[in-house]
Amino acid sequence: MLDTSQVVSNPWGAVFVFFALLVTHAIGDFALQGSFLSQAKNRNADLSRFFPKGAPRGLWWNALFAHALIHAGGVWLVTGLAVLAFAELVLHFLIDYAKSEGWISFALDQTLHHLCKLIYVALIFCNWPAGLDWDPLSPSLSSPAE
């Protein structure tokens, strides 16, 4: 994980984090996405090559969700921010769904993914909102027992 506090108001830190996010995106969209996942995440794809008797019910949804989770994990590893990882999960799912439905092109798909990463970096750079680094796994500062 990178120390995102070094990105706040630091242009070179922001460039570094943006680059790291682009690397994780390339790994997730190309290196970790084989032929099966690439096709299985598309509900309109012909999967007879993998499933001659028909694809299992709900396969496309699970495959698309798994693919989006891989990307969310990359964002979380780079930024350490669960809220951005969740945003990536939702946005990556929706963008890839739009591409699989033919609503957007491959080029627009990739542009939107990169734009999401740029927005994440801009949010960190501007330190907005200040609660962006909220950690749901850490004990609260004021517990009900006090």
C-alpha atoms as a PDB file:
ATOM      1  CA  MET A   1       0.000   0.000   0.000  1.00  0.00           C
ATOM      2  CA  LEU A   2       1.144   3.474  -0.780  1.00  0.00           C
ATOM      3  CA  ASP A   3       0.994   6.217   1.812  1.00  0.00           C
ATOM      4  CA  THR A   4      -1.755   8.374   0.354  1.00  0.00           C
ATOM      5  CA  SER A   5      -0.972  11.160   2.813  1.00  0.00           C
ATOM      6  CA  GLN A   6       2.033  11.871   0.575  1.00  0.00           C
ATOM      7  CA  VAL A   7      -0.380  12.541  -2.294  1.00  0.00           C
ATOM      8  CA  VAL A   8      -2.403  15.301  -0.610  1.00  0.00           C
ATOM      9  CA  SER A   9      -1.366  18.554  -2.322  1.00  0.00           C
ATOM     10  CA  ASN A  10       1.678  16.797  -3.843  1.00  0.00           C
ATOM     11  CA  PRO A  11       1.449  16.671  -7.651  1.00  0.00           C
ATOM     12  CA  TRP A  12       4.269  14.142  -8.048  1.00  0.00           C
ATOM     13  CA  GLY A  13       2.721  11.896  -5.423  1.00  0.00           C
ATOM     14  CA  ALA A  14      -0.561  12.089  -7.342  1.00  0.00           C
ATOM     15  CA  VAL A  15       1.197  11.170 -10.601  1.00  0.00           C
ATOM     16  CA  PHE A  16       2.847   8.212  -8.869  1.00  0.00           C
ATOM     17  CA  VAL A  17      -0.475   6.913  -7.473  1.00  0.00           C
ATOM     18  CA  PHE A  18      -2.211   7.431 -10.830  1.00  0.00           C
ATOM     19  CA  PHE A  19       0.550   5.438 -12.528  1.00  0.00           C
ATOM     20  CA  ALA A  20       0.224   2.646  -9.934  1.00  0.00           C
ATOM     21  CA  LEU A  21      -3.555   2.547 -10.495  1.00  0.00           C
ATOM     22  CA  LEU A  22      -3.044   2.315 -14.257  1.00  0.00           C
ATOM     23  CA  VAL A  23      -0.632  -0.585 -13.728  1.00  0.00           C
ATOM     24  CA  THR A  24      -3.152  -2.473 -11.582  1.00  0.00           C
ATOM     25  CA  HIS A  25      -5.821  -1.750 -14.198  1.00  0.00           C
ATOM     26  CA  ALA A  26      -3.662  -3.181 -16.988  1.00  0.00           C
ATOM     27  CA  ILE A  27      -2.927  -6.269 -14.887  1.00  0.00           C
ATOM     28  CA  GLY A  28      -6.604  -6.786 -14.082  1.00  0.00           C
ATOM     29  CA  ASP A  29      -7.988  -6.114 -17.553  1.00  0.00           C
ATOM     30  CA  PHE A  30      -5.351  -7.921 -19.568  1.00  0.00           C
ATOM     31  CA  ALA A  31      -2.936 -10.160 -17.636  1.00  0.00           C
ATOM     32  CA  LEU A  32      -5.483 -11.599 -15.180  1.00  0.00           C
ATOM     33  CA  GLN A  33      -8.412 -11.784 -17.600  1.00  0.00           C
ATOM     34  CA  GLY A  34      -8.131 -14.837 -19.753  1.00  0.00           C
ATOM     35  CA  SER A  35     -10.385 -15.920 -22.582  1.00  0.00           C
ATOM     36  CA  PHE A  36     -12.866 -17.618 -20.252  1.00  0.00           C
ATOM     37  CA  LEU A  37     -13.429 -14.664 -17.915  1.00  0.00           C
ATOM     38  CA  SER A  38     -13.466 -12.223 -20.812  1.00  0.00           C
ATOM     39  CA  GLN A  39     -16.351 -14.122 -22.403  1.00  0.00           C
ATOM     40  CA  ALA A  40     -18.119 -15.429 -19.292  1.00  0.00           C
ATOM     41  CA  LYS A  41     -18.663 -11.899 -17.893  1.00  0.00           C
ATOM     42  CA  ASN A  42     -20.710 -11.024 -20.981  1.00  0.00           C
ATOM     43  CA  ARG A  43     -24.277 -12.313 -20.670  1.00  0.00           C
ATOM     44  CA  ASN A  44     -24.605 -12.188 -24.467  1.00  0.00           C
ATOM     45  CA  ALA A  45     -21.498 -14.250 -25.251  1.00  0.00           C
ATOM     46  CA  ASP A  46     -21.625 -17.686 -26.829  1.00  0.00           C
ATOM     47  CA  LEU A  47     -20.067 -19.954 -24.201  1.00  0.00           C
ATOM     48  CA  SER A  48     -20.745 -23.251 -25.992  1.00  0.00           C
ATOM     49  CA  ARG A  49     -17.005 -23.778 -26.354  1.00  0.00           C
ATOM     50  CA  PHE A  50     -16.740 -23.943 -22.550  1.00  0.00           C
ATOM     51  CA  PHE A  51     -20.202 -25.365 -21.825  1.00  0.00           C
ATOM     52  CA  PRO A  52     -21.522 -27.505 -24.709  1.00  0.00           C
ATOM     53  CA  LYS A  53     -24.744 -28.220 -22.791  1.00  0.00           C
ATOM     54  CA  GLY A  54     -25.281 -24.591 -21.801  1.00  0.00           C
ATOM     55  CA  ALA A  55     -23.655 -22.224 -19.337  1.00  0.00           C
ATOM     56  CA  PRO A  56     -24.636 -22.446 -15.666  1.00  0.00           C
ATOM     57  CA  ARG A  57     -27.376 -20.049 -14.645  1.00  0.00           C
ATOM     58  CA  GLY A  58     -25.977 -16.769 -13.318  1.00  0.00           C
ATOM     59  CA  LEU A  59     -22.474 -17.411 -14.640  1.00  0.00           C
ATOM     60  CA  TRP A  60     -22.157 -14.033 -16.379  1.00  0.00           C
ATOM     61  CA  TRP A  61     -23.114 -12.111 -13.247  1.00  0.00           C
ATOM     62  CA  ASN A  62     -20.648 -14.023 -11.072  1.00  0.00           C
ATOM     63  CA  ALA A  63     -17.869 -13.705 -13.636  1.00  0.00           C
ATOM     64  CA  LEU A  64     -18.444  -9.960 -14.027  1.00  0.00           C
ATOM     65  CA  PHE A  65     -18.575  -9.509 -10.248  1.00  0.00           C
ATOM     66  CA  ALA A  66     -15.319 -11.488  -9.833  1.00  0.00           C
ATOM     67  CA  HIS A  67     -13.639  -9.374 -12.501  1.00  0.00           C
ATOM     68  CA  ALA A  68     -14.798  -6.154 -10.816  1.00  0.00           C
ATOM     69  CA  LEU A  69     -13.572  -7.515  -7.448  1.00  0.00           C
ATOM     70  CA  ILE A  70     -10.098  -8.032  -8.916  1.00  0.00           C
ATOM     71  CA  HIS A  71     -10.052  -4.372  -9.917  1.00  0.00           C
ATOM     72  CA  ALA A  72     -11.426  -3.260  -6.542  1.00  0.00           C
ATOM     73  CA  GLY A  73      -8.617  -5.213  -4.888  1.00  0.00           C
ATOM     74  CA  GLY A  74      -6.054  -3.399  -7.014  1.00  0.00           C
ATOM     75  CA  VAL A  75      -7.453  -0.007  -6.031  1.00  0.00           C
ATOM     76  CA  TRP A  76      -7.504  -1.050  -2.374  1.00  0.00           C
ATOM     77  CA  LEU A  77      -3.918  -2.329  -2.514  1.00  0.00           C
ATOM     78  CA  VAL A  78      -2.651   0.875  -4.093  1.00  0.00           C
ATOM     79  CA  THR A  79      -4.633   3.433  -2.103  1.00  0.00           C
ATOM     80  CA  GLY A  80      -5.493   1.578   1.100  1.00  0.00           C
ATOM     81  CA  LEU A  81      -8.933   3.183   0.911  1.00  0.00           C
ATOM     82  CA  ALA A  82     -11.887   0.802   1.198  1.00  0.00           C
ATOM     83  CA  VAL A  83     -14.327   3.453   0.022  1.00  0.00           C
ATOM     84  CA  LEU A  84     -12.450   3.837  -3.288  1.00  0.00           C
ATOM     85  CA  ALA A  85     -12.244   0.061  -3.649  1.00  0.00           C
ATOM     86  CA  PHE A  86     -16.017  -0.164  -3.266  1.00  0.00           C
ATOM     87  CA  ALA A  87     -16.485   2.650  -5.790  1.00  0.00           C
ATOM     88  CA  GLU A  88     -14.229   0.747  -8.206  1.00  0.00           C
ATOM     89  CA  LEU A  89     -16.233  -2.449  -7.681  1.00  0.00           C
ATOM     90  CA  VAL A  90     -19.498  -0.741  -8.612  1.00  0.00           C
ATOM     91  CA  LEU A  91     -18.133   1.440 -11.411  1.00  0.00           C
ATOM     92  CA  HIS A  92     -16.053  -1.289 -13.049  1.00  0.00           C
ATOM     93  CA  PHE A  93     -19.052  -3.635 -12.972  1.00  0.00           C
ATOM     94  CA  LEU A  94     -21.337  -1.032 -14.569  1.00  0.00           C
ATOM     95  CA  ILE A  95     -18.834   0.049 -17.227  1.00  0.00           C
ATOM     96  CA  ASP A  96     -18.076  -3.523 -18.284  1.00  0.00           C
ATOM     97  CA  TYR A  97     -21.779  -4.368 -18.297  1.00  0.00           C
ATOM     98  CA  ALA A  98     -22.406  -1.403 -20.608  1.00  0.00           C
ATOM     99  CA  LYS A  99     -19.644  -2.630 -22.905  1.00  0.00           C
ATOM    100  CA  SER A 100     -21.013  -6.179 -22.977  1.00  0.00           C
ATOM    101  CA  GLU A 101     -24.459  -4.831 -23.897  1.00  0.00           C
ATOM    102  CA  GLY A 102     -22.915  -2.908 -26.809  1.00  0.00           C
ATOM    103  CA  TRP A 103     -23.856   0.466 -25.330  1.00  0.00           C
ATOM    104  CA  ILE A 104     -20.228   1.665 -25.339  1.00  0.00           C
ATOM    105  CA  SER A 105     -17.139   0.745 -27.340  1.00  0.00           C
ATOM    106  CA  PHE A 106     -13.949  -0.869 -26.077  1.00  0.00           C
ATOM    107  CA  ALA A 107     -12.159   2.485 -26.401  1.00  0.00           C
ATOM    108  CA  LEU A 108     -14.794   4.275 -24.321  1.00  0.00           C
ATOM    109  CA  ASP A 109     -14.733   1.411 -21.802  1.00  0.00           C
ATOM    110  CA  GLN A 110     -11.009   1.875 -21.259  1.00  0.00           C
ATOM    111  CA  THR A 111     -11.303   5.670 -21.196  1.00  0.00           C
ATOM    112  CA  LEU A 112     -13.980   5.495 -18.488  1.00  0.00           C
ATOM    113  CA  HIS A 113     -11.875   3.105 -16.395  1.00  0.00           C
ATOM    114  CA  HIS A 114      -8.894   5.459 -16.618  1.00  0.00           C
ATOM    115  CA  LEU A 115     -11.104   8.446 -15.814  1.00  0.00           C
ATOM    116  CA  CYS A 116     -12.289   6.678 -12.643  1.00  0.00           C
ATOM    117  CA  LYS A 117      -8.666   6.263 -11.545  1.00  0.00           C
ATOM    118  CA  LEU A 118      -8.002   9.931 -12.275  1.00  0.00           C
ATOM    119  CA  ILE A 119     -10.998  10.914 -10.144  1.00  0.00           C
ATOM    120  CA  TYR A 120      -9.782   8.722  -7.268  1.00  0.00           C
ATOM    121  CA  VAL A 121      -6.391  10.431  -7.387  1.00  0.00           C
ATOM    122  CA  ALA A 122      -8.010  13.872  -7.561  1.00  0.00           C
ATOM    123  CA  LEU A 123     -10.092  13.051  -4.469  1.00  0.00           C
ATOM    124  CA  ILE A 124      -6.981  11.971  -2.585  1.00  0.00           C
ATOM    125  CA  PHE A 125      -4.970  14.960  -3.840  1.00  0.00           C
ATOM    126  CA  CYS A 126      -7.655  17.394  -2.665  1.00  0.00           C
ATOM    127  CA  ASN A 127      -8.139  15.433   0.574  1.00  0.00           C
ATOM    128  CA  TRP A 128     -11.869  15.455  -0.099  1.00  0.00           C
ATOM    129  CA  PRO A 129     -13.868  14.382   1.687  1.00  0.00           C
ATOM    130  CA  ALA A 130     -11.722  14.388   4.793  1.00  0.00           C
ATOM    131  CA  GLY A 131     -13.362  11.108   5.859  1.00  0.00           C
ATOM    132  CA  LEU A 132     -12.139   9.328   2.727  1.00  0.00           C
ATOM    133  CA  ASP A 133      -9.659   7.400   4.861  1.00  0.00           C
ATOM    134  CA  TRP A 134     -12.348   6.035   7.180  1.00  0.00           C
ATOM    135  CA  ASP A 135     -11.416   2.498   8.184  1.00  0.00           C
ATOM    136  CA  PRO A 136     -14.402   0.308   9.050  1.00  0.00           C
ATOM    137  CA  LEU A 137     -12.110  -2.276  10.648  1.00  0.00           C
ATOM    138  CA  SER A 138     -10.472   0.006  13.208  1.00  0.00           C
ATOM    139  CA  PRO A 139     -12.009   0.538  16.639  1.00  0.00           C
ATOM    140  CA  SER A 140     -13.987   3.743  16.887  1.00  0.00           C
ATOM    141  CA  LEU A 141     -12.541   6.635  18.821  1.00  0.00           C
ATOM    142  CA  SER A 142     -15.525   6.694  21.124  1.00  0.00           C
ATOM    143  CA  SER A 143     -16.989   3.356  22.035  1.00  0.00           C
ATOM    144  CA  PRO A 144     -20.463   2.934  23.538  1.00  0.00           C
ATOM    145  CA  ALA A 145     -18.905   1.504  26.735  1.00  0.00           C
ATOM    146  CA  GLU A 146     -17.379   4.855  27.665  1.00  0.00           C
END
